[in-house]
Protein backbone atom coordinates (compact mmCIF):
# COMPACT_ATOMS: atom_id res chain seq x y z
CA MET A 1 -29.40 -9.40 -6.88
CA LYS A 2 -28.03 -7.53 -9.88
CA PRO A 3 -25.13 -9.31 -11.60
CA SER A 4 -21.72 -7.64 -11.37
CA PRO A 5 -20.59 -5.92 -14.56
CA ALA A 6 -18.26 -8.10 -16.56
CA LEU A 7 -14.58 -7.37 -16.29
CA PRO A 8 -13.03 -5.88 -19.41
CA ALA A 9 -10.90 -8.22 -21.48
CA GLY A 10 -7.25 -8.62 -20.58
CA PHE A 11 -5.32 -5.66 -19.29
CA ASP A 12 -1.77 -4.40 -19.04
CA ALA A 13 -0.51 -2.12 -16.28
CA VAL A 14 1.76 0.91 -16.35
CA ILE A 15 3.43 2.02 -13.12
CA LEU A 16 5.07 5.44 -13.11
CA ALA A 17 8.21 5.03 -11.02
CA GLY A 18 10.46 7.83 -12.21
CA GLY A 19 10.52 11.41 -11.01
CA ARG A 20 13.08 13.24 -8.93
CA ALA A 21 11.45 12.77 -5.49
CA ARG A 22 12.53 16.25 -4.43
CA ARG A 23 10.34 16.15 -1.32
CA MET A 24 12.08 12.89 -0.37
CA GLY A 25 15.53 14.41 -0.69
CA GLY A 26 16.14 12.72 -4.05
CA ALA A 27 15.88 9.21 -2.56
CA ASP A 28 14.66 6.30 -4.69
CA LYS A 29 11.11 6.50 -3.39
CA PRO A 30 9.68 3.41 -5.17
CA ALA A 31 12.40 1.31 -3.49
CA ALA A 32 11.50 2.50 0.02
CA ARG A 33 10.10 -0.37 2.08
CA VAL A 34 6.76 -0.52 3.87
CA ALA A 35 5.94 -3.64 5.89
CA GLY A 36 8.88 -5.50 4.36
CA ARG A 37 8.08 -4.77 0.71
CA PRO A 38 9.24 -1.91 -1.55
CA LEU A 39 6.54 0.58 -2.45
CA ILE A 40 6.71 -0.44 -6.09
CA GLY A 41 6.18 -4.04 -5.00
CA TRP A 42 2.85 -3.11 -3.42
CA ALA A 43 1.74 -1.37 -6.61
CA ALA A 44 2.79 -4.37 -8.69
CA ALA A 45 0.87 -6.74 -6.39
CA ALA A 46 -2.29 -4.69 -6.94
CA VAL A 47 -2.07 -5.41 -10.69
CA ALA A 48 -0.80 -8.98 -10.41
CA GLY A 49 -3.37 -10.09 -13.00
CA ALA A 50 -1.92 -7.87 -15.73
CA ALA A 51 -0.76 -9.64 -18.87
CA ARG A 52 2.12 -7.18 -19.14
CA LEU A 53 3.58 -4.95 -16.44
CA VAL A 54 5.38 -1.83 -17.65
CA VAL A 55 7.45 0.20 -15.19
CA VAL A 56 8.53 3.66 -16.27
CA GLY A 57 11.71 4.66 -14.47
CA PRO A 58 15.25 3.48 -13.77
CA PRO A 59 15.93 -0.27 -13.76
CA ARG A 60 15.28 -1.98 -10.42
CA PRO A 61 15.32 -5.61 -9.28
CA GLU A 62 11.63 -5.39 -8.38
CA PRO A 63 9.12 -6.17 -9.60
CA PRO A 64 10.57 -9.19 -11.43
CA GLY A 65 9.42 -9.73 -14.99
CA ALA A 66 8.43 -6.12 -15.59
CA VAL A 67 9.20 -4.32 -18.84
CA THR A 68 11.26 -1.27 -17.84
CA VAL A 69 11.33 1.86 -19.95
CA CYS A 70 12.45 5.43 -19.32
CA GLU A 71 10.65 8.65 -20.19
CA ASP A 72 12.33 11.27 -22.37
CA PRO A 73 13.72 13.28 -20.76
CA PRO A 74 14.28 11.23 -17.57
CA GLY A 75 12.34 12.81 -14.74
CA GLY A 76 10.34 14.87 -17.23
CA GLY A 77 7.01 14.37 -15.47
CA PRO A 78 3.99 12.08 -15.58
CA VAL A 79 2.83 12.86 -19.13
CA PRO A 80 6.14 11.94 -20.83
CA ALA A 81 6.31 8.92 -18.53
CA LEU A 82 2.83 7.79 -19.54
CA ARG A 83 3.69 8.34 -23.20
CA ALA A 84 6.75 6.07 -22.82
CA GLY A 85 4.82 3.41 -20.94
CA LEU A 86 1.96 3.29 -23.44
CA ARG A 87 4.37 2.34 -26.21
CA GLU A 88 4.80 -1.02 -24.46
CA VAL A 89 1.10 -1.70 -23.84
CA ARG A 90 -0.48 -4.48 -25.90
CA ALA A 91 -3.82 -5.18 -24.16
CA PRO A 92 -7.12 -3.38 -24.93
CA TRP A 93 -7.23 -1.96 -21.39
CA VAL A 94 -4.51 -0.44 -19.23
CA VAL A 95 -4.36 0.25 -15.51
CA LEU A 96 -2.29 3.33 -14.69
CA LEU A 97 -0.75 3.62 -11.22
CA ALA A 98 1.77 5.58 -9.26
CA ALA A 99 4.56 3.57 -7.64
CA ASP A 100 3.94 4.76 -4.07
CA LEU A 101 0.56 3.28 -3.13
CA PRO A 102 1.18 0.82 -0.29
CA PHE A 103 -2.51 0.36 0.58
CA LEU A 104 -3.98 -0.26 -2.88
CA ARG A 105 -5.13 -3.85 -3.33
CA ALA A 106 -6.06 -6.09 -6.25
CA HIS A 107 -9.78 -6.23 -5.41
CA GLN A 108 -9.90 -2.42 -5.60
CA VAL A 109 -8.22 -2.46 -9.00
CA GLU A 110 -10.80 -5.05 -10.09
CA ARG A 111 -13.55 -2.68 -9.02
CA LEU A 112 -11.98 0.05 -11.18
CA ARG A 113 -11.82 -2.33 -14.12
CA ARG A 114 -15.50 -3.23 -13.78
CA ALA A 115 -16.42 0.45 -13.67
CA ALA A 116 -14.29 1.16 -16.75
CA ALA A 117 -16.04 -1.63 -18.64
CA ARG A 118 -19.41 -0.18 -17.69
CA GLN A 119 -18.45 3.34 -18.79
CA GLY A 120 -16.61 2.25 -21.93
CA ARG A 121 -13.61 4.61 -21.86
CA GLY A 122 -12.20 4.63 -18.37
CA ALA A 123 -12.63 4.92 -14.62
CA VAL A 124 -10.63 6.70 -11.96
CA LEU A 125 -10.58 6.41 -8.19
CA VAL A 126 -11.80 9.40 -6.20
CA ASP A 127 -10.82 10.07 -2.60
CA ALA A 128 -13.06 10.77 0.38
CA GLU A 129 -13.46 14.39 -0.76
CA GLY A 130 -14.36 13.38 -4.30
CA ARG A 131 -11.04 14.41 -5.86
CA PRO A 132 -9.94 12.28 -8.82
CA GLN A 133 -6.76 10.29 -8.25
CA TRP A 134 -5.35 10.39 -11.76
CA LEU A 135 -2.66 7.85 -10.94
CA ILE A 136 -5.18 5.18 -9.91
CA GLY A 137 -7.28 4.48 -12.98
CA CYS A 138 -8.22 2.04 -15.70
CA TRP A 139 -8.47 3.18 -19.33
CA ARG A 140 -9.33 1.84 -22.74
CA THR A 141 -5.92 1.74 -24.37
CA ALA A 142 -6.99 3.14 -27.73
CA ALA A 143 -8.73 6.15 -26.15
CA LEU A 144 -5.81 6.90 -23.86
CA ARG A 145 -3.28 6.51 -26.64
CA ALA A 146 -5.21 8.90 -28.88
CA ALA A 147 -5.47 11.46 -26.07
CA VAL A 148 -1.75 11.26 -25.32
CA HIS A 149 -0.88 11.61 -29.01
CA ALA A 150 -2.92 14.80 -29.33
CA TYR A 151 -1.96 16.36 -25.99
CA ARG A 152 0.77 19.00 -25.74
CA GLY A 153 0.43 19.95 -22.07
CA ALA A 154 2.19 18.68 -18.95
CA SER A 155 -0.74 18.04 -16.60
CA LEU A 156 -2.33 14.64 -16.06
CA HIS A 157 -5.57 16.41 -15.20
CA GLY A 158 -5.49 18.24 -18.51
CA LEU A 159 -4.84 14.98 -20.34
CA LEU A 160 -7.26 12.66 -18.57
CA ALA A 161 -10.21 14.80 -17.47
CA PRO A 162 -11.48 15.33 -21.06
CA LEU A 163 -11.90 11.56 -21.34
CA GLU A 164 -14.69 11.89 -18.74
CA PRO A 165 -13.84 8.76 -16.75
CA LEU A 166 -16.36 7.25 -14.38
CA PRO A 167 -15.51 8.30 -10.80
CA VAL A 168 -15.22 5.34 -8.45
CA ARG A 169 -15.65 5.64 -4.69
CA LEU A 170 -14.50 2.82 -2.46
CA PRO A 171 -15.92 1.87 0.96
CA ALA A 172 -14.36 3.76 3.85
CA GLY A 173 -11.51 1.96 5.60
CA ASP A 174 -8.54 2.54 7.83
CA ARG A 175 -6.11 2.36 4.92
CA PRO A 176 -7.14 4.72 2.11
CA PRO A 177 -5.84 3.19 -1.14
CA TRP A 178 -4.98 6.64 -2.50
CA TYR A 179 -2.54 7.29 0.37
CA ASP A 180 0.80 8.07 -1.26
CA CYS A 181 4.25 8.62 0.18
CA ASP A 182 5.45 12.00 -1.05
CA THR A 183 7.44 13.02 2.03
CA PRO A 184 9.56 11.26 4.68
CA GLU A 185 6.75 11.94 7.16
CA SER A 186 4.07 10.33 5.00
CA LEU A 187 6.36 7.35 4.40
CA GLU A 188 6.85 6.84 8.14
CA ARG A 189 3.11 7.17 8.67
CA ALA A 190 2.49 4.49 6.04
CA ARG A 191 4.96 2.21 7.79
CA SER A 192 3.21 2.73 11.09
CA ILE A 193 -0.23 2.02 9.62
CA ALA A 194 0.97 -1.06 7.73
CA GLU A 195 2.85 -2.54 10.66
CA GLY A 196 -0.09 -2.01 12.99
CA ARG A 197 -2.49 -3.69 10.58
CA MET A 198 -0.09 -6.55 9.93
CA LEU A 199 0.23 -7.10 13.68
CA GLU A 200 -3.55 -7.23 14.07
CA GLU A 201 -3.87 -9.72 11.20
CA TRP A 202 -1.19 -11.89 12.82
CA ILE A 203 -2.90 -11.80 16.22
CA GLU A 204 -6.22 -12.76 14.66
CA ALA A 205 -4.58 -15.63 12.77
CA VAL A 206 -2.87 -16.98 15.89
CA CYS A 207 -6.06 -16.71 17.93
CA LEU A 208 -7.94 -18.63 15.25
CA GLU A 209 -5.21 -21.28 15.10
CA LEU A 210 -5.20 -21.76 18.90
CA GLY A 211 -8.96 -21.47 19.44
CA LEU A 212 -8.71 -18.22 21.42
CA GLU A 213 -10.95 -15.18 21.41
CA ARG A 214 -9.29 -11.98 20.16
CA ASP A 215 -10.60 -9.99 23.13
CA GLN A 216 -8.67 -12.27 25.49
CA LEU A 217 -5.51 -10.39 24.49
CA ASP A 218 -4.83 -6.82 25.60
CA ARG A 219 -2.32 -6.01 22.87
CA ASP A 220 -1.14 -2.68 24.22
CA LEU A 221 -0.72 -4.07 27.72
CA VAL A 222 1.57 -6.84 26.50
CA LEU A 223 3.54 -4.59 24.13
CA ASN A 224 4.09 -1.95 26.80
CA LEU A 225 5.19 -4.60 29.25
CA ALA A 226 7.63 -6.06 26.70
CA ARG A 227 9.04 -2.58 26.05
CA ASP A 228 9.58 -1.89 29.75
CA VAL A 229 11.26 -5.23 30.34
CA ALA A 230 13.49 -4.92 27.28
CA HIS A 231 14.58 -1.46 28.44
CA GLY A 232 15.09 -2.30 32.12
CA VAL A 233 16.44 -5.85 31.87
CA ALA A 234 17.44 -7.17 28.42
CA ARG A 235 15.84 -7.69 25.04
CA PRO A 236 15.56 -11.50 25.35
CA ALA A 237 13.69 -11.02 28.63
CA ALA A 238 10.77 -9.34 26.84
CA PRO A 239 9.22 -12.36 25.03
CA LEU A 240 9.96 -14.64 27.97
CA THR A 241 8.24 -12.23 30.35
CA ALA A 242 5.22 -11.99 28.07
CA TYR A 243 5.00 -15.78 28.17
CA LEU A 244 5.24 -15.79 31.97
CA LEU A 245 2.49 -13.18 32.11
CA GLY A 246 0.34 -15.51 30.03
CA LEU A 247 1.01 -18.38 32.43
CA ALA A 248 0.06 -16.19 35.39
CA VAL A 249 -3.16 -15.08 33.72
CA GLY A 250 -3.94 -18.70 32.90
CA ARG A 251 -3.72 -19.47 36.61
CA GLY A 252 -6.20 -16.74 37.45
CA ALA A 253 -4.09 -13.60 37.91
CA ALA A 254 -5.53 -10.30 36.71
CA ALA A 255 -3.55 -9.30 33.61
CA ARG A 256 -3.24 -5.60 34.44
CA ASP A 257 -2.25 -6.24 38.04
CA ALA A 258 0.36 -8.82 37.07
CA ALA A 259 1.76 -6.55 34.32
CA ALA A 260 2.02 -3.61 36.74
CA ARG A 261 3.95 -5.74 39.24
CA ILE A 262 6.34 -6.93 36.53
CA THR A 263 6.86 -3.37 35.28
CA ASP A 264 7.74 -2.21 38.81
CA LEU A 265 10.17 -5.10 39.08
CA ALA A 266 11.79 -4.25 35.70
CA GLU A 267 12.15 -0.55 36.54
CA GLY A 268 14.23 -1.36 39.60
CA TRP A 269 16.12 -4.24 38.05
CA ALA A 270 19.17 -2.32 36.79
CA GLY A 271 19.75 -0.68 40.21
CA ARG A 272 19.49 -3.86 42.26
CA ASP A 273 22.38 -4.86 44.55
């Protein structure tokens, strides 16, 4: 087996969290929450190993311990923001991220860092179609600083492409790490994906804890039953009914038959005498 390329020496991280979020109606997009955590918190978690975390944008309570700077002019775009963030970088390598990447994880950033070390100047994530994601990359600080100093344009592509970074493809998954939240619709979709995955992880953890097989639970059956009972009876009845369904199944009842009978009962409950 070939040894993994060594990780580059210590790194800092710059998260671009400014901008006007016009497509979000001017809302503070990095503060929007997905699965209980602000978007910027997910980005910060992906670079938790950074010696220094620099956030470019208005001051926010999260992530704690970050160095916060503002581009000039505020909202002036990614190149001025990167220029401002680089002034605070001290490490020989820097990871550059957008603030709205709820599915990027630390092991994927580590893969970028290994690729950057192998190439020598930098590496950038590419999506399923091979398009570079300029706001998910790792760069040698000196090379990036020199490029920014000499550049007079406004495009990240124009700034970063001449550095010829190594393109990095990640294994296919249900949560593409380059998924960003540029619109209210994409934000809601991210919430739906994250909550569904979190629910699955919780179910798997509980099954492991209790010595159950995952395929013993029909998730959608139970959730639909809980929804029907909460609507037709009362919210507290939903978890209690799910428990009673489990007792009935444990005594040999067919889950789908028992759930259908309970749903029929719940639908007529409000109109009972």
